[in-house]
C-alpha atoms as a PDB file:
ATOM      1  CA  UNK A   1     122.358-114.722 -25.860  1.00  0.00           C
ATOM      2  CA  UNK A   2     122.459-117.410 -28.512  1.00  0.00           C
ATOM      3  CA  UNK A   3     120.279-118.502 -31.402  1.00  0.00           C
ATOM      4  CA  UNK A   4     118.600-121.924 -31.538  1.00  0.00           C
ATOM      5  CA  UNK A   5     121.637-123.081 -33.496  1.00  0.00           C
ATOM      6  CA  UNK A   6     123.967-121.955 -30.690  1.00  0.00           C
ATOM      7  CA  UNK A   7     125.387-118.938 -32.521  1.00  0.00           C
ATOM      8  CA  UNK A   8     126.081-115.868 -30.438  1.00  0.00           C
ATOM      9  CA  UNK A   9     123.756-112.913 -30.966  1.00  0.00           C
ATOM     10  CA  UNK A  10     125.716-109.700 -31.227  1.00  0.00           C
ATOM     11  CA  UNK A  11     123.854-106.800 -29.673  1.00  0.00           C
ATOM     12  CA  UNK A  12     124.914-103.303 -30.630  1.00  0.00           C
ATOM     13  CA  UNK A  13     125.325-100.472 -28.208  1.00  0.00           C
ATOM     14  CA  UNK A  14     121.944 -98.999 -27.327  1.00  0.00           C
ATOM     15  CA  UNK A  15     120.867 -95.382 -27.407  1.00  0.00           C
ATOM     16  CA  UNK A  16     119.941 -93.970 -24.026  1.00  0.00           C
ATOM     17  CA  UNK A  17     117.186 -91.395 -24.213  1.00  0.00           C
ATOM     18  CA  UNK A  18     116.545 -89.574 -20.946  1.00  0.00           C
ATOM     19  CA  UNK A  19     113.460 -87.558 -21.828  1.00  0.00           C
ATOM     20  CA  UNK A  20     110.263 -88.096 -23.793  1.00  0.00           C
ATOM     21  CA  UNK A  21     111.275 -85.164 -25.984  1.00  0.00           C
ATOM     22  CA  UNK A  22     114.571 -86.816 -26.886  1.00  0.00           C
ATOM     23  CA  UNK A  23     112.690 -90.036 -27.678  1.00  0.00           C
ATOM     24  CA  UNK A  24     110.264 -88.186 -29.990  1.00  0.00           C
ATOM     25  CA  UNK A  25     113.161 -86.392 -31.669  1.00  0.00           C
ATOM     26  CA  UNK A  26     115.018 -89.692 -32.154  1.00  0.00           C
ATOM     27  CA  UNK A  27     111.920 -91.432 -33.571  1.00  0.00           C
ATOM     28  CA  UNK A  28     111.190 -88.537 -35.908  1.00  0.00           C
ATOM     29  CA  UNK A  29     114.708 -88.368 -37.340  1.00  0.00           C
ATOM     30  CA  UNK A  30     115.369 -92.105 -37.409  1.00  0.00           C
ATOM     31  CA  UNK A  31     111.927 -93.445 -38.449  1.00  0.00           C
ATOM     32  CA  UNK A  32     109.236 -90.854 -39.213  1.00  0.00           C
ATOM     33  CA  UNK A  33     111.217 -88.869 -41.807  1.00  0.00           C
ATOM     34  CA  UNK A  34     112.326 -92.001 -43.677  1.00  0.00           C
ATOM     35  CA  UNK A  35     108.714 -93.200 -43.553  1.00  0.00           C
ATOM     36  CA  UNK A  36     107.583 -89.912 -45.144  1.00  0.00           C
ATOM     37  CA  UNK A  37     110.217 -90.372 -47.858  1.00  0.00           C
ATOM     38  CA  UNK A  38     108.931 -93.919 -48.457  1.00  0.00           C
ATOM     39  CA  UNK A  39     105.389 -92.492 -48.810  1.00  0.00           C
ATOM     40  CA  UNK A  40     106.617 -90.181 -51.587  1.00  0.00           C
ATOM     41  CA  UNK A  41     108.449 -93.042 -53.331  1.00  0.00           C
ATOM     42  CA  UNK A  42     105.366 -95.219 -52.898  1.00  0.00           C
ATOM     43  CA  UNK A  43     103.134 -92.627 -54.497  1.00  0.00           C
ATOM     44  CA  UNK A  44     105.586 -92.052 -57.382  1.00  0.00           C
ATOM     45  CA  UNK A  45     105.837 -95.806 -58.031  1.00  0.00           C
ATOM     46  CA  UNK A  46     102.098 -96.468 -58.244  1.00  0.00           C
ATOM     47  CA  UNK A  47     101.888 -97.831 -54.688  1.00  0.00           C
ATOM     48  CA  UNK A  48     104.532-100.527 -55.203  1.00  0.00           C
ATOM     49  CA  UNK A  49     105.610-100.244 -51.574  1.00  0.00           C
ATOM     50  CA  UNK A  50     102.147-100.038 -50.008  1.00  0.00           C
ATOM     51  CA  UNK A  51     102.403-103.228 -47.953  1.00  0.00           C
ATOM     52  CA  UNK A  52     105.865-102.314 -46.636  1.00  0.00           C
ATOM     53  CA  UNK A  53     104.681 -98.793 -45.873  1.00  0.00           C
ATOM     54  CA  UNK A  54     101.654-100.036 -43.947  1.00  0.00           C
ATOM     55  CA  UNK A  55     103.704-102.569 -41.939  1.00  0.00           C
ATOM     56  CA  UNK A  56     106.388-100.037 -40.961  1.00  0.00           C
ATOM     57  CA  UNK A  57     103.749 -97.462 -40.084  1.00  0.00           C
ATOM     58  CA  UNK A  58     101.913 -99.983 -37.913  1.00  0.00           C
ATOM     59  CA  UNK A  59     105.110-100.860 -36.053  1.00  0.00           C
ATOM     60  CA  UNK A  60     105.981 -97.210 -35.443  1.00  0.00           C
ATOM     61  CA  UNK A  61     102.488 -96.527 -34.110  1.00  0.00           C
ATOM     62  CA  UNK A  62     102.746 -99.544 -31.797  1.00  0.00           C
ATOM     63  CA  UNK A  63     106.058 -98.347 -30.372  1.00  0.00           C
ATOM     64  CA  UNK A  64     104.714 -94.825 -29.893  1.00  0.00           C
ATOM     65  CA  UNK A  65     101.621 -96.238 -28.147  1.00  0.00           C
ATOM     66  CA  UNK A  66     103.724 -98.430 -25.830  1.00  0.00           C
ATOM     67  CA  UNK A  67     105.975 -95.500 -24.930  1.00  0.00           C
ATOM     68  CA  UNK A  68     102.905 -93.390 -24.210  1.00  0.00           C
ATOM     69  CA  UNK A  69     101.482 -96.123 -21.959  1.00  0.00           C
ATOM     70  CA  UNK A  70     104.720 -96.795 -20.084  1.00  0.00           C
ATOM     71  CA  UNK A  71     105.926 -93.144 -19.945  1.00  0.00           C
ATOM     72  CA  UNK A  72     105.112 -92.736 -16.235  1.00  0.00           C
ATOM     73  CA  UNK A  73     107.235 -95.774 -15.377  1.00  0.00           C
ATOM     74  CA  UNK A  74     110.128 -95.374 -17.814  1.00  0.00           C
ATOM     75  CA  UNK A  75     111.308 -92.004 -16.543  1.00  0.00           C
ATOM     76  CA  UNK A  76     110.229 -92.478 -12.914  1.00  0.00           C
ATOM     77  CA  UNK A  77     112.971 -91.233 -10.605  1.00  0.00           C
ATOM     78  CA  UNK A  78     111.619 -92.767  -7.381  1.00  0.00           C
ATOM     79  CA  UNK A  79     113.137 -95.639  -5.493  1.00  0.00           C
ATOM     80  CA  UNK A  80     111.171 -98.570  -4.175  1.00  0.00           C
ATOM     81  CA  UNK A  81     112.268-100.272  -1.019  1.00  0.00           C
ATOM     82  CA  UNK A  82     110.834-102.765   1.374  1.00  0.00           C
ATOM     83  CA  UNK A  83     111.898-101.085   4.632  1.00  0.00           C
ATOM     84  CA  UNK A  84     108.344-100.866   5.988  1.00  0.00           C
ATOM     85  CA  UNK A  85     107.656-104.478   5.089  1.00  0.00           C
ATOM     86  CA  UNK A  86     110.797-105.574   6.911  1.00  0.00           C
ATOM     87  CA  UNK A  87     109.791-103.473   9.955  1.00  0.00           C
ATOM     88  CA  UNK A  88     106.316-105.042   9.932  1.00  0.00           C
ATOM     89  CA  UNK A  89     107.766-108.567   9.813  1.00  0.00           C
ATOM     90  CA  UNK A  90     110.286-107.761  12.558  1.00  0.00           C
ATOM     91  CA  UNK A  91     107.627-106.198  14.772  1.00  0.00           C
ATOM     92  CA  UNK A  92     105.292-109.157  14.232  1.00  0.00           C
ATOM     93  CA  UNK A  93     108.107-111.543  15.265  1.00  0.00           C
ATOM     94  CA  UNK A  94     108.724-109.461  18.403  1.00  0.00           C
ATOM     95  CA  UNK A  95     105.029-109.687  19.255  1.00  0.00           C
ATOM     96  CA  UNK A  96     104.947-113.445  18.668  1.00  0.00           C
ATOM     97  CA  UNK A  97     102.865-113.214  15.514  1.00  0.00           C
ATOM     98  CA  UNK A  98     103.739-115.631  12.721  1.00  0.00           C
ATOM     99  CA  UNK A  99     105.164-113.454   9.907  1.00  0.00           C
ATOM    100  CA  UNK A 100     103.987-116.045   7.378  1.00  0.00           C
ATOM    101  CA  UNK A 101     100.468-114.904   8.220  1.00  0.00           C
ATOM    102  CA  UNK A 102     101.063-111.975   5.851  1.00  0.00           C
ATOM    103  CA  UNK A 103     102.174-114.320   3.067  1.00  0.00           C
ATOM    104  CA  UNK A 104     104.246-111.582   1.493  1.00  0.00           C
ATOM    105  CA  UNK A 105     107.835-111.927   0.315  1.00  0.00           C
ATOM    106  CA  UNK A 106     108.675-109.616  -2.641  1.00  0.00           C
ATOM    107  CA  UNK A 107     112.142-111.160  -2.895  1.00  0.00           C
ATOM    108  CA  UNK A 108     110.675-114.444  -4.157  1.00  0.00           C
ATOM    109  CA  UNK A 109     109.063-112.819  -7.222  1.00  0.00           C
ATOM    110  CA  UNK A 110     110.771-113.673 -10.492  1.00  0.00           C
ATOM    111  CA  UNK A 111     110.299-110.231 -12.091  1.00  0.00           C
ATOM    112  CA  UNK A 112     111.682-111.183 -15.504  1.00  0.00           C
ATOM    113  CA  UNK A 113     109.290-114.145 -15.688  1.00  0.00           C
ATOM    114  CA  UNK A 114     106.412-111.959 -14.503  1.00  0.00           C
ATOM    115  CA  UNK A 115     106.948-109.295 -17.148  1.00  0.00           C
ATOM    116  CA  UNK A 116     107.709-111.685 -20.026  1.00  0.00           C
ATOM    117  CA  UNK A 117     104.971-114.269 -19.371  1.00  0.00           C
ATOM    118  CA  UNK A 118     102.231-112.350 -17.551  1.00  0.00           C
ATOM    119  CA  UNK A 119     102.381-108.556 -17.747  1.00  0.00           C
ATOM    120  CA  UNK A 120     103.475-108.023 -21.375  1.00  0.00           C
ATOM    121  CA  UNK A 121     101.135-110.652 -22.915  1.00  0.00           C
ATOM    122  CA  UNK A 122      98.219-109.247 -20.910  1.00  0.00           C
ATOM    123  CA  UNK A 123      99.082-105.711 -21.974  1.00  0.00           C
ATOM    124  CA  UNK A 124      99.156-106.735 -25.629  1.00  0.00           C
ATOM    125  CA  UNK A 125      95.887-108.690 -25.261  1.00  0.00           C
ATOM    126  CA  UNK A 126      93.885-106.005 -23.467  1.00  0.00           C
ATOM    127  CA  UNK A 127      95.443-102.765 -24.683  1.00  0.00           C
ATOM    128  CA  UNK A 128      95.616-103.458 -28.400  1.00  0.00           C
END
């Protein structure tokens, strides 16, 4: 990836969390505890960090909400395949039926485009 100026964006190694429990543990240690410390500092400094505290808290709640919503899909161990669709199309060809009648070709779907431009914006609009 590059910035608008053409500079390379360096992406660090990600943390793979395989269970919801490990995610909650990671969030607590990495973000919730520091947020609690910031709350104490904020109180001791006459609410000098109130805006920062509210913004960070809002972002953490958003991430937790998204993880809650997508939990069934993130850790799903199933495998999707199109074997039955292929069998249906093959059988329809054998029977002389135009396979285009079904108007279904999952291989032509641009999944990245779908999630980035349709699914995610709709989720943000209607869920939050």
